[in-house]
Amino acid sequence: MGTFDCMQAMIAGYLSSPKGQEAIRNYLSSPEGKATIDAYLATPAGQQMARLLLLRVMDTLEISADAKAVLRTALEEKA
């Protein structure tokens, strides 16, 4: 395993740990994290990722099938 692969494995391990997840949560809720998210969502790739995530999240929400259909149609129209 090369140095780069080893570093990737270490980072992935940290990010999947409770301490790593807490660090991510803290960063994303900070002003800097919010600015990073806003900058990413302003890009075409960020918009596409947001739609993908919203569609996945919507499947887990306890809302009516009609509401899901309306939201899904609205999100897919913007794609």
N, C-alpha and C. Protein backbone atom coordinates (compact mmCIF):
# COMPACT_ATOMS: atom_id res chain seq x y z
N MET A 1 0.86 -1.18 0.00
CA MET A 1 0.00 0.00 0.00
C MET A 1 0.90 1.23 0.00
N GLY A 2 0.62 2.16 -0.90
CA GLY A 2 1.42 3.38 -0.99
C GLY A 2 1.08 4.36 0.12
N THR A 3 1.88 5.39 0.22
CA THR A 3 1.69 6.42 1.25
C THR A 3 0.33 7.08 1.12
N PHE A 4 -0.06 7.40 -0.12
CA PHE A 4 -1.35 8.06 -0.35
C PHE A 4 -2.50 7.16 0.09
N ASP A 5 -2.44 5.87 -0.27
CA ASP A 5 -3.48 4.93 0.12
C ASP A 5 -3.56 4.79 1.64
N CYS A 6 -2.41 4.77 2.28
CA CYS A 6 -2.36 4.66 3.73
C CYS A 6 -3.00 5.89 4.39
N MET A 7 -2.70 7.06 3.84
CA MET A 7 -3.29 8.30 4.38
C MET A 7 -4.80 8.29 4.18
N GLN A 8 -5.25 7.85 3.01
CA GLN A 8 -6.69 7.79 2.77
C GLN A 8 -7.37 6.86 3.76
N ALA A 9 -6.77 5.71 4.03
CA ALA A 9 -7.34 4.76 4.97
C ALA A 9 -7.40 5.34 6.38
N MET A 10 -6.35 6.05 6.78
CA MET A 10 -6.34 6.67 8.10
C MET A 10 -7.42 7.75 8.21
N ILE A 11 -7.55 8.56 7.18
CA ILE A 11 -8.56 9.62 7.20
C ILE A 11 -9.96 9.01 7.21
N ALA A 12 -10.19 8.00 6.38
CA ALA A 12 -11.51 7.35 6.36
C ALA A 12 -11.83 6.74 7.72
N GLY A 13 -10.85 6.12 8.35
CA GLY A 13 -11.06 5.55 9.67
C GLY A 13 -11.42 6.60 10.70
N TYR A 14 -10.73 7.73 10.66
CA TYR A 14 -11.01 8.82 11.59
C TYR A 14 -12.41 9.39 11.36
N LEU A 15 -12.75 9.63 10.09
CA LEU A 15 -14.04 10.24 9.78
C LEU A 15 -15.21 9.33 10.13
N SER A 16 -14.98 8.02 10.14
CA SER A 16 -16.05 7.10 10.49
C SER A 16 -16.14 6.84 11.99
N SER A 17 -15.19 7.35 12.75
CA SER A 17 -15.21 7.17 14.20
C SER A 17 -16.12 8.21 14.85
N PRO A 18 -16.58 7.93 16.08
CA PRO A 18 -17.41 8.93 16.78
C PRO A 18 -16.71 10.28 16.91
N LYS A 19 -15.42 10.27 17.21
CA LYS A 19 -14.68 11.53 17.35
C LYS A 19 -14.61 12.27 16.02
N GLY A 20 -14.39 11.55 14.93
CA GLY A 20 -14.34 12.16 13.61
C GLY A 20 -15.70 12.73 13.20
N GLN A 21 -16.75 12.00 13.49
CA GLN A 21 -18.10 12.48 13.16
C GLN A 21 -18.45 13.72 13.97
N GLU A 22 -18.00 13.76 15.21
CA GLU A 22 -18.23 14.96 16.03
C GLU A 22 -17.46 16.15 15.44
N ALA A 23 -16.24 15.91 14.99
CA ALA A 23 -15.44 16.99 14.38
C ALA A 23 -16.12 17.51 13.12
N ILE A 24 -16.65 16.62 12.31
CA ILE A 24 -17.37 17.03 11.09
C ILE A 24 -18.59 17.85 11.47
N ARG A 25 -19.37 17.35 12.42
CA ARG A 25 -20.59 18.05 12.85
C ARG A 25 -20.25 19.45 13.38
N ASN A 26 -19.20 19.54 14.18
CA ASN A 26 -18.79 20.84 14.72
C ASN A 26 -18.36 21.79 13.61
N TYR A 27 -17.61 21.28 12.65
CA TYR A 27 -17.16 22.14 11.54
C TYR A 27 -18.36 22.61 10.70
N LEU A 28 -19.24 21.68 10.36
CA LEU A 28 -20.37 22.04 9.50
C LEU A 28 -21.33 23.02 10.17
N SER A 29 -21.36 23.02 11.49
CA SER A 29 -22.25 23.96 12.19
C SER A 29 -21.55 25.28 12.51
N SER A 30 -20.27 25.38 12.20
CA SER A 30 -19.53 26.62 12.45
C SER A 30 -19.76 27.60 11.29
N PRO A 31 -19.48 28.89 11.50
CA PRO A 31 -19.62 29.86 10.40
C PRO A 31 -18.76 29.47 9.18
N GLU A 32 -17.56 28.96 9.42
CA GLU A 32 -16.70 28.55 8.30
C GLU A 32 -17.30 27.37 7.55
N GLY A 33 -17.84 26.42 8.29
CA GLY A 33 -18.46 25.25 7.67
C GLY A 33 -19.69 25.64 6.86
N LYS A 34 -20.50 26.53 7.41
CA LYS A 34 -21.69 26.99 6.69
C LYS A 34 -21.29 27.72 5.41
N ALA A 35 -20.23 28.51 5.47
CA ALA A 35 -19.75 29.22 4.28
C ALA A 35 -19.25 28.22 3.23
N THR A 36 -18.58 27.16 3.68
CA THR A 36 -18.10 26.13 2.77
C THR A 36 -19.28 25.44 2.07
N ILE A 37 -20.29 25.10 2.84
CA ILE A 37 -21.48 24.45 2.27
C ILE A 37 -22.16 25.39 1.28
N ASP A 38 -22.33 26.65 1.65
CA ASP A 38 -22.98 27.61 0.76
C ASP A 38 -22.21 27.77 -0.55
N ALA A 39 -20.89 27.82 -0.45
CA ALA A 39 -20.06 27.96 -1.65
C ALA A 39 -20.21 26.73 -2.54
N TYR A 40 -20.23 25.55 -1.95
CA TYR A 40 -20.39 24.32 -2.73
C TYR A 40 -21.77 24.26 -3.37
N LEU A 41 -22.81 24.61 -2.62
CA LEU A 41 -24.17 24.55 -3.15
C LEU A 41 -24.42 25.58 -4.25
N ALA A 42 -23.56 26.57 -4.35
CA ALA A 42 -23.69 27.57 -5.41
C ALA A 42 -23.13 27.07 -6.74
N THR A 43 -22.47 25.92 -6.73
CA THR A 43 -21.90 25.36 -7.95
C THR A 43 -22.88 24.37 -8.58
N PRO A 44 -22.75 24.12 -9.89
CA PRO A 44 -23.61 23.10 -10.52
C PRO A 44 -23.46 21.71 -9.87
N ALA A 45 -22.24 21.33 -9.53
CA ALA A 45 -22.04 20.04 -8.88
C ALA A 45 -22.71 20.01 -7.50
N GLY A 46 -22.64 21.12 -6.79
CA GLY A 46 -23.30 21.22 -5.49
C GLY A 46 -24.81 21.13 -5.59
N GLN A 47 -25.37 21.77 -6.61
CA GLN A 47 -26.81 21.70 -6.84
C GLN A 47 -27.24 20.26 -7.14
N GLN A 48 -26.47 19.60 -7.97
CA GLN A 48 -26.77 18.20 -8.32
C GLN A 48 -26.69 17.31 -7.08
N MET A 49 -25.66 17.50 -6.26
CA MET A 49 -25.51 16.71 -5.04
C MET A 49 -26.67 16.98 -4.08
N ALA A 50 -27.08 18.23 -3.95
CA ALA A 50 -28.17 18.58 -3.05
C ALA A 50 -29.47 17.89 -3.49
N ARG A 51 -29.74 17.90 -4.80
CA ARG A 51 -30.93 17.22 -5.30
C ARG A 51 -30.87 15.72 -4.99
N LEU A 52 -29.72 15.12 -5.23
CA LEU A 52 -29.55 13.69 -4.96
C LEU A 52 -29.79 13.38 -3.48
N LEU A 53 -29.21 14.18 -2.61
CA LEU A 53 -29.38 13.97 -1.17
C LEU A 53 -30.83 14.20 -0.74
N LEU A 54 -31.45 15.24 -1.27
CA LEU A 54 -32.84 15.51 -0.90
C LEU A 54 -33.76 14.37 -1.31
N LEU A 55 -33.52 13.82 -2.50
CA LEU A 55 -34.34 12.69 -2.95
C LEU A 55 -34.15 11.48 -2.03
N ARG A 56 -32.92 11.22 -1.59
CA ARG A 56 -32.66 10.10 -0.69
C ARG A 56 -33.26 10.34 0.69
N VAL A 57 -33.11 11.55 1.19
CA VAL A 57 -33.64 11.89 2.52
C VAL A 57 -35.16 11.80 2.51
N MET A 58 -35.75 12.27 1.44
CA MET A 58 -37.20 12.27 1.34
C MET A 58 -37.77 10.86 1.49
N ASP A 59 -37.06 9.87 0.99
CA ASP A 59 -37.52 8.49 1.10
C ASP A 59 -37.60 8.02 2.55
N THR A 60 -36.84 8.66 3.44
CA THR A 60 -36.84 8.24 4.85
C THR A 60 -37.82 9.03 5.71
N LEU A 61 -38.37 10.10 5.16
CA LEU A 61 -39.29 10.94 5.93
C LEU A 61 -40.69 10.34 5.98
N GLU A 62 -41.36 10.55 7.08
CA GLU A 62 -42.73 10.08 7.23
C GLU A 62 -43.69 11.18 6.78
N ILE A 63 -43.75 11.34 5.47
CA ILE A 63 -44.71 12.28 4.87
C ILE A 63 -45.53 11.52 3.84
N SER A 64 -46.66 12.09 3.46
CA SER A 64 -47.57 11.39 2.56
C SER A 64 -46.92 11.12 1.20
N ALA A 65 -47.40 10.10 0.56
CA ALA A 65 -46.90 9.75 -0.78
C ALA A 65 -47.17 10.89 -1.75
N ASP A 66 -48.30 11.58 -1.59
CA ASP A 66 -48.62 12.71 -2.47
C ASP A 66 -47.60 13.83 -2.31
N ALA A 67 -47.24 14.15 -1.07
CA ALA A 67 -46.26 15.20 -0.82
C ALA A 67 -44.90 14.80 -1.40
N LYS A 68 -44.52 13.54 -1.22
CA LYS A 68 -43.26 13.05 -1.79
C LYS A 68 -43.27 13.18 -3.31
N ALA A 69 -44.40 12.85 -3.93
CA ALA A 69 -44.49 12.92 -5.39
C ALA A 69 -44.34 14.36 -5.88
N VAL A 70 -44.97 15.29 -5.18
CA VAL A 70 -44.86 16.71 -5.56
C VAL A 70 -43.41 17.18 -5.41
N LEU A 71 -42.80 16.86 -4.29
CA LEU A 71 -41.41 17.27 -4.06
C LEU A 71 -40.47 16.62 -5.07
N ARG A 72 -40.66 15.34 -5.33
CA ARG A 72 -39.81 14.62 -6.28
C ARG A 72 -39.91 15.25 -7.67
N THR A 73 -41.14 15.58 -8.09
CA THR A 73 -41.35 16.21 -9.40
C THR A 73 -40.66 17.56 -9.45
N ALA A 74 -40.78 18.35 -8.40
CA ALA A 74 -40.15 19.67 -8.37
C ALA A 74 -38.64 19.56 -8.43
N LEU A 75 -38.07 18.61 -7.71
CA LEU A 75 -36.62 18.44 -7.72
C LEU A 75 -36.12 17.93 -9.07
N GLU A 76 -36.85 17.03 -9.68
CA GLU A 76 -36.42 16.47 -10.96
C GLU A 76 -36.56 17.48 -12.09
N GLU A 77 -37.53 18.42 -11.97
CA GLU A 77 -37.69 19.45 -13.00
C GLU A 77 -36.49 20.37 -13.06
N LYS A 78 -35.82 20.58 -11.94
CA LYS A 78 -34.67 21.49 -11.87
C LYS A 78 -33.40 20.83 -12.37
N ALA A 79 -33.42 19.53 -12.53
CA ALA A 79 -32.19 18.81 -12.93
C ALA A 79 -31.78 19.11 -14.35
